PDB file of all heavy atoms in Angstrom:
ATOM      1  N   VAL A   1     105.921 116.651  83.290  1.00  0.00           N
ATOM      2  CA  VAL A   1     106.072 115.219  83.521  1.00  0.00           C
ATOM      3  C   VAL A   1     104.713 114.525  83.432  1.00  0.00           C
ATOM      4  O   VAL A   1     103.690 115.091  83.841  1.00  0.00           O
ATOM      5  CB  VAL A   1     106.729 114.949  84.893  1.00  0.00           C
ATOM      6  CG1 VAL A   1     105.841 115.448  86.024  1.00  0.00           C
ATOM      7  CG2 VAL A   1     107.039 113.476  85.087  1.00  0.00           C
ATOM      8  N   ARG A   2     104.708 113.312  82.882  1.00  0.00           N
ATOM      9  CA  ARG A   2     103.497 112.503  82.875  1.00  0.00           C
ATOM     10  C   ARG A   2     103.207 112.057  84.304  1.00  0.00           C
ATOM     11  O   ARG A   2     104.086 111.583  85.012  1.00  0.00           O
ATOM     12  CB  ARG A   2     103.677 111.280  81.963  1.00  0.00           C
ATOM     13  CG  ARG A   2     102.436 110.423  81.841  1.00  0.00           C
ATOM     14  CD  ARG A   2     102.659 109.268  80.879  1.00  0.00           C
ATOM     15  NE  ARG A   2     102.922 109.753  79.521  1.00  0.00           N
ATOM     16  CZ  ARG A   2     103.029 108.945  78.458  1.00  0.00           C
ATOM     17  NH1 ARG A   2     102.914 107.631  78.599  1.00  0.00           N
ATOM     18  NH2 ARG A   2     103.244 109.454  77.264  1.00  0.00           N
ATOM     19  N   VAL A   3     101.970 112.221  84.734  1.00  0.00           N
ATOM     20  CA  VAL A   3     101.610 111.918  86.111  1.00  0.00           C
ATOM     21  C   VAL A   3     101.415 110.419  86.303  1.00  0.00           C
ATOM     22  O   VAL A   3     100.682 109.774  85.559  1.00  0.00           O
ATOM     23  CB  VAL A   3     100.329 112.659  86.529  1.00  0.00           C
ATOM     24  CG1 VAL A   3      99.958 112.310  87.976  1.00  0.00           C
ATOM     25  CG2 VAL A   3     100.507 114.162  86.381  1.00  0.00           C
ATOM     26  N   THR A   4     102.090 109.875  87.291  1.00  0.00           N
ATOM     27  CA  THR A   4     101.867 108.521  87.767  1.00  0.00           C
ATOM     28  C   THR A   4     101.502 108.614  89.239  1.00  0.00           C
ATOM     29  O   THR A   4     101.559 109.688  89.846  1.00  0.00           O
ATOM     30  CB  THR A   4     103.133 107.652  87.610  1.00  0.00           C
ATOM     31  OG1 THR A   4     104.153 108.177  88.470  1.00  0.00           O
ATOM     32  CG2 THR A   4     103.618 107.640  86.161  1.00  0.00           C
ATOM     33  N   ASP A   5     101.149 107.492  89.828  1.00  0.00           N
ATOM     34  CA  ASP A   5     100.819 107.496  91.249  1.00  0.00           C
ATOM     35  C   ASP A   5     102.024 107.960  92.062  1.00  0.00           C
ATOM     36  O   ASP A   5     101.883 108.704  93.039  1.00  0.00           O
ATOM     37  CB  ASP A   5     100.389 106.090  91.680  1.00  0.00           C
ATOM     38  CG  ASP A   5      99.812 106.071  93.082  1.00  0.00           C
ATOM     39  OD1 ASP A   5      98.957 106.926  93.373  1.00  0.00           O
ATOM     40  OD2 ASP A   5     100.224 105.214  93.888  1.00  0.00           O
ATOM     41  N   ALA A   6     103.230 107.544  91.664  1.00  0.00           N
ATOM     42  CA  ALA A   6     104.438 107.941  92.382  1.00  0.00           C
ATOM     43  C   ALA A   6     104.668 109.451  92.265  1.00  0.00           C
ATOM     44  O   ALA A   6     105.021 110.120  93.248  1.00  0.00           O
ATOM     45  CB  ALA A   6     105.644 107.179  91.855  1.00  0.00           C
ATOM     46  N   VAL A   7     104.484 109.992  91.069  1.00  0.00           N
ATOM     47  CA  VAL A   7     104.629 111.436  90.869  1.00  0.00           C
ATOM     48  C   VAL A   7     103.605 112.188  91.709  1.00  0.00           C
ATOM     49  O   VAL A   7     103.919 113.201  92.358  1.00  0.00           O
ATOM     50  CB  VAL A   7     104.461 111.789  89.379  1.00  0.00           C
ATOM     51  CG1 VAL A   7     104.315 113.303  89.189  1.00  0.00           C
ATOM     52  CG2 VAL A   7     105.645 111.267  88.567  1.00  0.00           C
ATOM     53  N   LEU A   8     102.381 111.693  91.726  1.00  0.00           N
ATOM     54  CA  LEU A   8     101.321 112.349  92.492  1.00  0.00           C
ATOM     55  C   LEU A   8     101.658 112.379  93.982  1.00  0.00           C
ATOM     56  O   LEU A   8     101.420 113.382  94.666  1.00  0.00           O
ATOM     57  CB  LEU A   8      99.992 111.634  92.252  1.00  0.00           C
ATOM     58  CG  LEU A   8      98.715 112.326  92.727  1.00  0.00           C
ATOM     59  CD1 LEU A   8      98.607 113.733  92.156  1.00  0.00           C
ATOM     60  CD2 LEU A   8      97.495 111.501  92.351  1.00  0.00           C
ATOM     61  N   ARG A   9     102.237 111.296  94.477  1.00  0.00           N
ATOM     62  CA  ARG A   9     102.631 111.273  95.889  1.00  0.00           C
ATOM     63  C   ARG A   9     103.720 112.316  96.160  1.00  0.00           C
ATOM     64  O   ARG A   9     103.693 113.011  97.181  1.00  0.00           O
ATOM     65  CB  ARG A   9     103.131 109.880  96.281  1.00  0.00           C
ATOM     66  CG  ARG A   9     102.038 108.847  96.463  1.00  0.00           C
ATOM     67  CD  ARG A   9     102.565 107.628  97.205  1.00  0.00           C
ATOM     68  NE  ARG A   9     103.676 106.984  96.493  1.00  0.00           N
ATOM     69  CZ  ARG A   9     103.518 106.017  95.610  1.00  0.00           C
ATOM     70  NH1 ARG A   9     102.303 105.588  95.291  1.00  0.00           N
ATOM     71  NH2 ARG A   9     104.580 105.467  95.024  1.00  0.00           N
ATOM     72  N   GLU A  10     104.686 112.423  95.267  1.00  0.00           N
ATOM     73  CA  GLU A  10     105.777 113.377  95.468  1.00  0.00           C
ATOM     74  C   GLU A  10     105.271 114.821  95.413  1.00  0.00           C
ATOM     75  O   GLU A  10     105.716 115.674  96.188  1.00  0.00           O
ATOM     76  CB  GLU A  10     106.861 113.151  94.418  1.00  0.00           C
ATOM     77  CG  GLU A  10     107.612 111.833  94.601  1.00  0.00           C
ATOM     78  CD  GLU A  10     108.696 111.639  93.558  1.00  0.00           C
ATOM     79  OE1 GLU A  10     108.865 112.537  92.697  1.00  0.00           O
ATOM     80  OE2 GLU A  10     109.375 110.598  93.595  1.00  0.00           O
ATOM     81  N   LEU A  11     104.350 115.079  94.509  1.00  0.00           N
ATOM     82  CA  LEU A  11     103.802 116.434  94.408  1.00  0.00           C
ATOM     83  C   LEU A  11     102.911 116.756  95.599  1.00  0.00           C
ATOM     84  O   LEU A  11     102.855 117.912  96.049  1.00  0.00           O
ATOM     85  CB  LEU A  11     103.027 116.596  93.095  1.00  0.00           C
ATOM     86  CG  LEU A  11     103.847 116.425  91.815  1.00  0.00           C
ATOM     87  CD1 LEU A  11     102.978 116.630  90.593  1.00  0.00           C
ATOM     88  CD2 LEU A  11     105.037 117.381  91.798  1.00  0.00           C
ATOM     89  N   THR A  12     102.230 115.759  96.115  1.00  0.00           N
ATOM     90  CA  THR A  12     101.415 115.961  97.313  1.00  0.00           C
ATOM     91  C   THR A  12     102.297 116.295  98.511  1.00  0.00           C
ATOM     92  O   THR A  12     101.922 117.101  99.374  1.00  0.00           O
ATOM     93  CB  THR A  12     100.577 114.716  97.604  1.00  0.00           C
ATOM     94  OG1 THR A  12      99.719 114.442  96.485  1.00  0.00           O
ATOM     95  CG2 THR A  12      99.711 114.903  98.845  1.00  0.00           C
ATOM     96  N   ALA A  13     103.485 115.714  98.559  1.00  0.00           N
ATOM     97  CA  ALA A  13     104.412 115.994  99.657  1.00  0.00           C
ATOM     98  C   ALA A  13     104.873 117.446  99.654  1.00  0.00           C
ATOM     99  O   ALA A  13     105.370 117.954 100.666  1.00  0.00           O
ATOM    100  CB  ALA A  13     105.617 115.063  99.566  1.00  0.00           C
ATOM    101  N   LEU A  14     104.703 118.145  98.515  1.00  0.00           N
ATOM    102  CA  LEU A  14     105.113 119.550  98.409  1.00  0.00           C
ATOM    103  C   LEU A  14     104.005 120.512  98.827  1.00  0.00           C
ATOM    104  O   LEU A  14     104.202 121.730  98.770  1.00  0.00           O
ATOM    105  CB  LEU A  14     105.541 119.858  96.973  1.00  0.00           C
ATOM    106  CG  LEU A  14     106.788 119.129  96.459  1.00  0.00           C
ATOM    107  CD1 LEU A  14     107.009 119.434  94.985  1.00  0.00           C
ATOM    108  CD2 LEU A  14     108.020 119.503  97.280  1.00  0.00           C
ATOM    109  N   VAL A  15     102.849 119.994  99.235  1.00  0.00           N
ATOM    110  CA  VAL A  15     101.743 120.868  99.643  1.00  0.00           C
ATOM    111  C   VAL A  15     102.167 121.889 100.701  1.00  0.00           C
ATOM    112  O   VAL A  15     101.809 123.068 100.604  1.00  0.00           O
ATOM    113  CB  VAL A  15     100.541 120.030 100.125  1.00  0.00           C
ATOM    114  CG1 VAL A  15      99.536 120.899 100.886  1.00  0.00           C
ATOM    115  CG2 VAL A  15      99.851 119.367  98.930  1.00  0.00           C
ATOM    116  N   PRO A  16     102.959 121.513 101.733  1.00  0.00           N
ATOM    117  CA  PRO A  16     103.372 122.533 102.723  1.00  0.00           C
ATOM    118  C   PRO A  16     104.213 123.653 102.124  1.00  0.00           C
ATOM    119  O   PRO A  16     104.310 124.733 102.719  1.00  0.00           O
ATOM    120  CB  PRO A  16     104.189 121.716 103.735  1.00  0.00           C
ATOM    121  CG  PRO A  16     103.685 120.322 103.599  1.00  0.00           C
ATOM    122  CD  PRO A  16     103.402 120.164 102.132  1.00  0.00           C
ATOM    123  N   TRP A  17     104.821 123.417 100.962  1.00  0.00           N
ATOM    124  CA  TRP A  17     105.636 124.446 100.322  1.00  0.00           C
ATOM    125  C   TRP A  17     104.789 125.440  99.529  1.00  0.00           C
ATOM    126  O   TRP A  17     105.255 126.539  99.226  1.00  0.00           O
ATOM    127  CB  TRP A  17     106.672 123.800  99.396  1.00  0.00           C
ATOM    128  CG  TRP A  17     107.724 123.004 100.104  1.00  0.00           C
ATOM    129  CD1 TRP A  17     107.696 122.586 101.400  1.00  0.00           C
ATOM    130  CD2 TRP A  17     108.953 122.531  99.566  1.00  0.00           C
ATOM    131  NE1 TRP A  17     108.835 121.870 101.704  1.00  0.00           N
ATOM    132  CE2 TRP A  17     109.626 121.821 100.587  1.00  0.00           C
ATOM    133  CE3 TRP A  17     109.559 122.612  98.319  1.00  0.00           C
ATOM    134  CZ2 TRP A  17     110.864 121.214 100.402  1.00  0.00           C
ATOM    135  CZ3 TRP A  17     110.794 122.021  98.124  1.00  0.00           C
ATOM    136  CH2 TRP A  17     111.446 121.332  99.155  1.00  0.00           C
ATOM    137  N   ALA A  18     103.590 125.044  99.174  1.00  0.00           N
ATOM    138  CA  ALA A  18     102.676 125.928  98.436  1.00  0.00           C
ATOM    139  C   ALA A  18     101.248 125.636  98.882  1.00  0.00           C
ATOM    140  O   ALA A  18     100.421 125.168  98.110  1.00  0.00           O
ATOM    141  CB  ALA A  18     102.829 125.727  96.928  1.00  0.00           C
ATOM    142  N   PRO A  19     100.932 125.923 100.155  1.00  0.00           N
ATOM    143  CA  PRO A  19      99.635 125.511 100.700  1.00  0.00           C
ATOM    144  C   PRO A  19      98.437 126.197 100.084  1.00  0.00           C
ATOM    145  O   PRO A  19      97.327 125.654 100.104  1.00  0.00           O
ATOM    146  CB  PRO A  19      99.769 125.864 102.197  1.00  0.00           C
ATOM    147  CG  PRO A  19     100.800 126.952 102.234  1.00  0.00           C
ATOM    148  CD  PRO A  19     101.766 126.609 101.141  1.00  0.00           C
ATOM    149  N   LEU A  20      98.633 127.376  99.520  1.00  0.00           N
ATOM    150  CA  LEU A  20      97.520 128.110  98.931  1.00  0.00           C
ATOM    151  C   LEU A  20      97.141 127.562  97.561  1.00  0.00           C
ATOM    152  O   LEU A  20      96.000 127.732  97.106  1.00  0.00           O
ATOM    153  CB  LEU A  20      97.885 129.598  98.814  1.00  0.00           C
ATOM    154  CG  LEU A  20      96.747 130.581  98.559  1.00  0.00           C
ATOM    155  CD1 LEU A  20      95.816 130.632  99.754  1.00  0.00           C
ATOM    156  CD2 LEU A  20      97.304 131.975  98.271  1.00  0.00           C
ATOM    157  N   HIS A  21      98.074 126.892  96.875  1.00  0.00           N
ATOM    158  CA  HIS A  21      97.848 126.475  95.497  1.00  0.00           C
ATOM    159  C   HIS A  21      97.934 124.976  95.267  1.00  0.00           C
ATOM    160  O   HIS A  21      97.100 124.405  94.552  1.00  0.00           O
ATOM    161  CB  HIS A  21      98.865 127.162  94.572  1.00  0.00           C
ATOM    162  CG  HIS A  21      98.752 128.649  94.528  1.00  0.00           C
ATOM    163  ND1 HIS A  21      99.419 129.466  95.402  1.00  0.00           N
ATOM    164  CD2 HIS A  21      98.038 129.466  93.707  1.00  0.00           C
ATOM    165  CE1 HIS A  21      99.130 130.736  95.128  1.00  0.00           C
ATOM    166  NE2 HIS A  21      98.310 130.762  94.118  1.00  0.00           N
ATOM    167  N   GLN A  22      98.949 124.314  95.815  1.00  0.00           N
ATOM    168  CA  GLN A  22      99.232 122.929  95.453  1.00  0.00           C
ATOM    169  C   GLN A  22      98.038 121.985  95.656  1.00  0.00           C
ATOM    170  O   GLN A  22      97.751 121.166  94.775  1.00  0.00           O
ATOM    171  CB  GLN A  22     100.449 122.416  96.229  1.00  0.00           C
ATOM    172  CG  GLN A  22     101.106 121.180  95.635  1.00  0.00           C
ATOM    173  CD  GLN A  22     102.137 121.524  94.559  1.00  0.00           C
ATOM    174  OE1 GLN A  22     102.203 122.662  94.096  1.00  0.00           O
ATOM    175  NE2 GLN A  22     102.937 120.562  94.165  1.00  0.00           N
ATOM    176  N   PRO A  23      97.301 122.074  96.776  1.00  0.00           N
ATOM    177  CA  PRO A  23      96.155 121.170  96.927  1.00  0.00           C
ATOM    178  C   PRO A  23      95.125 121.333  95.814  1.00  0.00           C
ATOM    179  O   PRO A  23      94.552 120.352  95.338  1.00  0.00           O
ATOM    180  CB  PRO A  23      95.574 121.564  98.289  1.00  0.00           C
ATOM    181  CG  PRO A  23      96.682 122.233  99.013  1.00  0.00           C
ATOM    182  CD  PRO A  23      97.477 122.945  97.948  1.00  0.00           C
ATOM    183  N   HIS A  24      94.911 122.593  95.394  1.00  0.00           N
ATOM    184  CA  HIS A  24      93.917 122.851  94.352  1.00  0.00           C
ATOM    185  C   HIS A  24      94.445 122.468  92.967  1.00  0.00           C
ATOM    186  O   HIS A  24      93.665 122.129  92.073  1.00  0.00           O
ATOM    187  CB  HIS A  24      93.511 124.315  94.382  1.00  0.00           C
ATOM    188  CG  HIS A  24      92.988 124.767  95.713  1.00  0.00           C
ATOM    189  ND1 HIS A  24      92.021 124.071  96.403  1.00  0.00           N
ATOM    190  CD2 HIS A  24      93.318 125.830  96.499  1.00  0.00           C
ATOM    191  CE1 HIS A  24      91.766 124.680  97.542  1.00  0.00           C
ATOM    192  NE2 HIS A  24      92.546 125.747  97.629  1.00  0.00           N
ATOM    193  N   ASN A  25      95.763 122.521  92.769  1.00  0.00           N
ATOM    194  CA  ASN A  25      96.363 122.063  91.509  1.00  0.00           C
ATOM    195  C   ASN A  25      96.211 120.561  91.336  1.00  0.00           C
ATOM    196  O   ASN A  25      96.017 120.069  90.214  1.00  0.00           O
ATOM    197  CB  ASN A  25      97.854 122.393  91.462  1.00  0.00           C
ATOM    198  CG  ASN A  25      98.169 123.869  91.536  1.00  0.00           C
ATOM    199  OD1 ASN A  25      99.257 124.240  91.953  1.00  0.00           O
ATOM    200  ND2 ASN A  25      97.250 124.735  91.155  1.00  0.00           N
ATOM    201  N   LEU A  26      96.330 119.817  92.433  1.00  0.00           N
ATOM    202  CA  LEU A  26      96.326 118.356  92.364  1.00  0.00           C
ATOM    203  C   LEU A  26      94.919 117.764  92.421  1.00  0.00           C
ATOM    204  O   LEU A  26      94.707 116.640  91.953  1.00  0.00           O
ATOM    205  CB  LEU A  26      97.176 117.783  93.496  1.00  0.00           C
ATOM    206  CG  LEU A  26      98.648 118.210  93.493  1.00  0.00           C
ATOM    207  CD1 LEU A  26      99.393 117.568  94.660  1.00  0.00           C
ATOM    208  CD2 LEU A  26      99.321 117.859  92.173  1.00  0.00           C
ATOM    209  N   ALA A  27      93.969 118.490  92.982  1.00  0.00           N
ATOM    210  CA  ALA A  27      92.600 117.981  93.054  1.00  0.00           C
ATOM    211  C   ALA A  27      92.036 117.614  91.673  1.00  0.00           C
ATOM    212  O   ALA A  27      91.408 116.564  91.519  1.00  0.00           O
ATOM    213  CB  ALA A  27      91.702 118.993  93.754  1.00  0.00           C
ATOM    214  N   PRO A  28      92.252 118.432  90.613  1.00  0.00           N
ATOM    215  CA  PRO A  28      91.740 118.050  89.296  1.00  0.00           C
ATOM    216  C   PRO A  28      92.407 116.801  88.734  1.00  0.00           C
ATOM    217  O   PRO A  28      91.790 116.076  87.943  1.00  0.00           O
ATOM    218  CB  PRO A  28      92.053 119.273  88.419  1.00  0.00           C
ATOM    219  CG  PRO A  28      92.214 120.399  89.365  1.00  0.00           C
ATOM    220  CD  PRO A  28      92.812 119.796  90.598  1.00  0.00           C
ATOM    221  N   VAL A  29      93.659 116.537  89.102  1.00  0.00           N
ATOM    222  CA  VAL A  29      94.336 115.315  88.642  1.00  0.00           C
ATOM    223  C   VAL A  29      93.592 114.095  89.171  1.00  0.00           C
ATOM    224  O   VAL A  29      93.284 113.151  88.425  1.00  0.00           O
ATOM    225  CB  VAL A  29      95.806 115.293  89.098  1.00  0.00           C
ATOM    226  CG1 VAL A  29      96.481 113.995  88.653  1.00  0.00           C
ATOM    227  CG2 VAL A  29      96.559 116.507  88.553  1.00  0.00           C
ATOM    228  N   ARG A  30      93.286 114.126  90.450  1.00  0.00           N
ATOM    229  CA  ARG A  30      92.581 112.999  91.055  1.00  0.00           C
ATOM    230  C   ARG A  30      91.156 112.888  90.513  1.00  0.00           C
ATOM    231  O   ARG A  30      90.670 111.790  90.220  1.00  0.00           O
ATOM    232  CB  ARG A  30      92.564 113.165  92.576  1.00  0.00           C
ATOM    233  CG  ARG A  30      93.957 113.171  93.207  1.00  0.00           C
ATOM    234  CD  ARG A  30      93.880 113.199  94.734  1.00  0.00           C
ATOM    235  NE  ARG A  30      95.211 113.113  95.332  1.00  0.00           N
ATOM    236  CZ  ARG A  30      95.931 114.151  95.704  1.00  0.00           C
ATOM    237  NH1 ARG A  30      95.460 115.383  95.541  1.00  0.00           N
ATOM    238  NH2 ARG A  30      97.129 113.980  96.248  1.00  0.00           N
ATOM    239  N   ALA A  31      90.486 114.032  90.391  1.00  0.00           N
ATOM    240  CA  ALA A  31      89.112 114.023  89.899  1.00  0.00           C
ATOM    241  C   ALA A  31      89.032 113.504  88.469  1.00  0.00           C
ATOM    242  O   ALA A  31      88.135 112.726  88.111  1.00  0.00           O
ATOM    243  CB  ALA A  31      88.516 115.426  89.984  1.00  0.00           C
ATOM    244  N   ALA A  32      89.973 113.932  87.617  1.00  0.00           N
ATOM    245  CA  ALA A  32      89.976 113.481  86.220  1.00  0.00           C
ATOM    246  C   ALA A  32      90.289 112.002  86.112  1.00  0.00           C
ATOM    247  O   ALA A  32      89.747 111.293  85.249  1.00  0.00           O
ATOM    248  CB  ALA A  32      90.988 114.301  85.416  1.00  0.00           C
ATOM    249  N   ALA A  33      91.167 111.500  86.988  1.00  0.00           N
ATOM    250  CA  ALA A  33      91.504 110.075  86.958  1.00  0.00           C
ATOM    251  C   ALA A  33      90.295 109.221  87.307  1.00  0.00           C
ATOM    252  O   ALA A  33      90.128 108.107  86.784  1.00  0.00           O
ATOM    253  CB  ALA A  33      92.646 109.786  87.929  1.00  0.00           C
TER     254      ALA A  33
END
């Protein structure tokens, strides 16, 4: 999916489901933006 602010919020809400990976997966999205 193309990332939008809304998508980013929804994926951030899934951090408790994958705490070892999800925060590090999303950090480059924010950094690149």
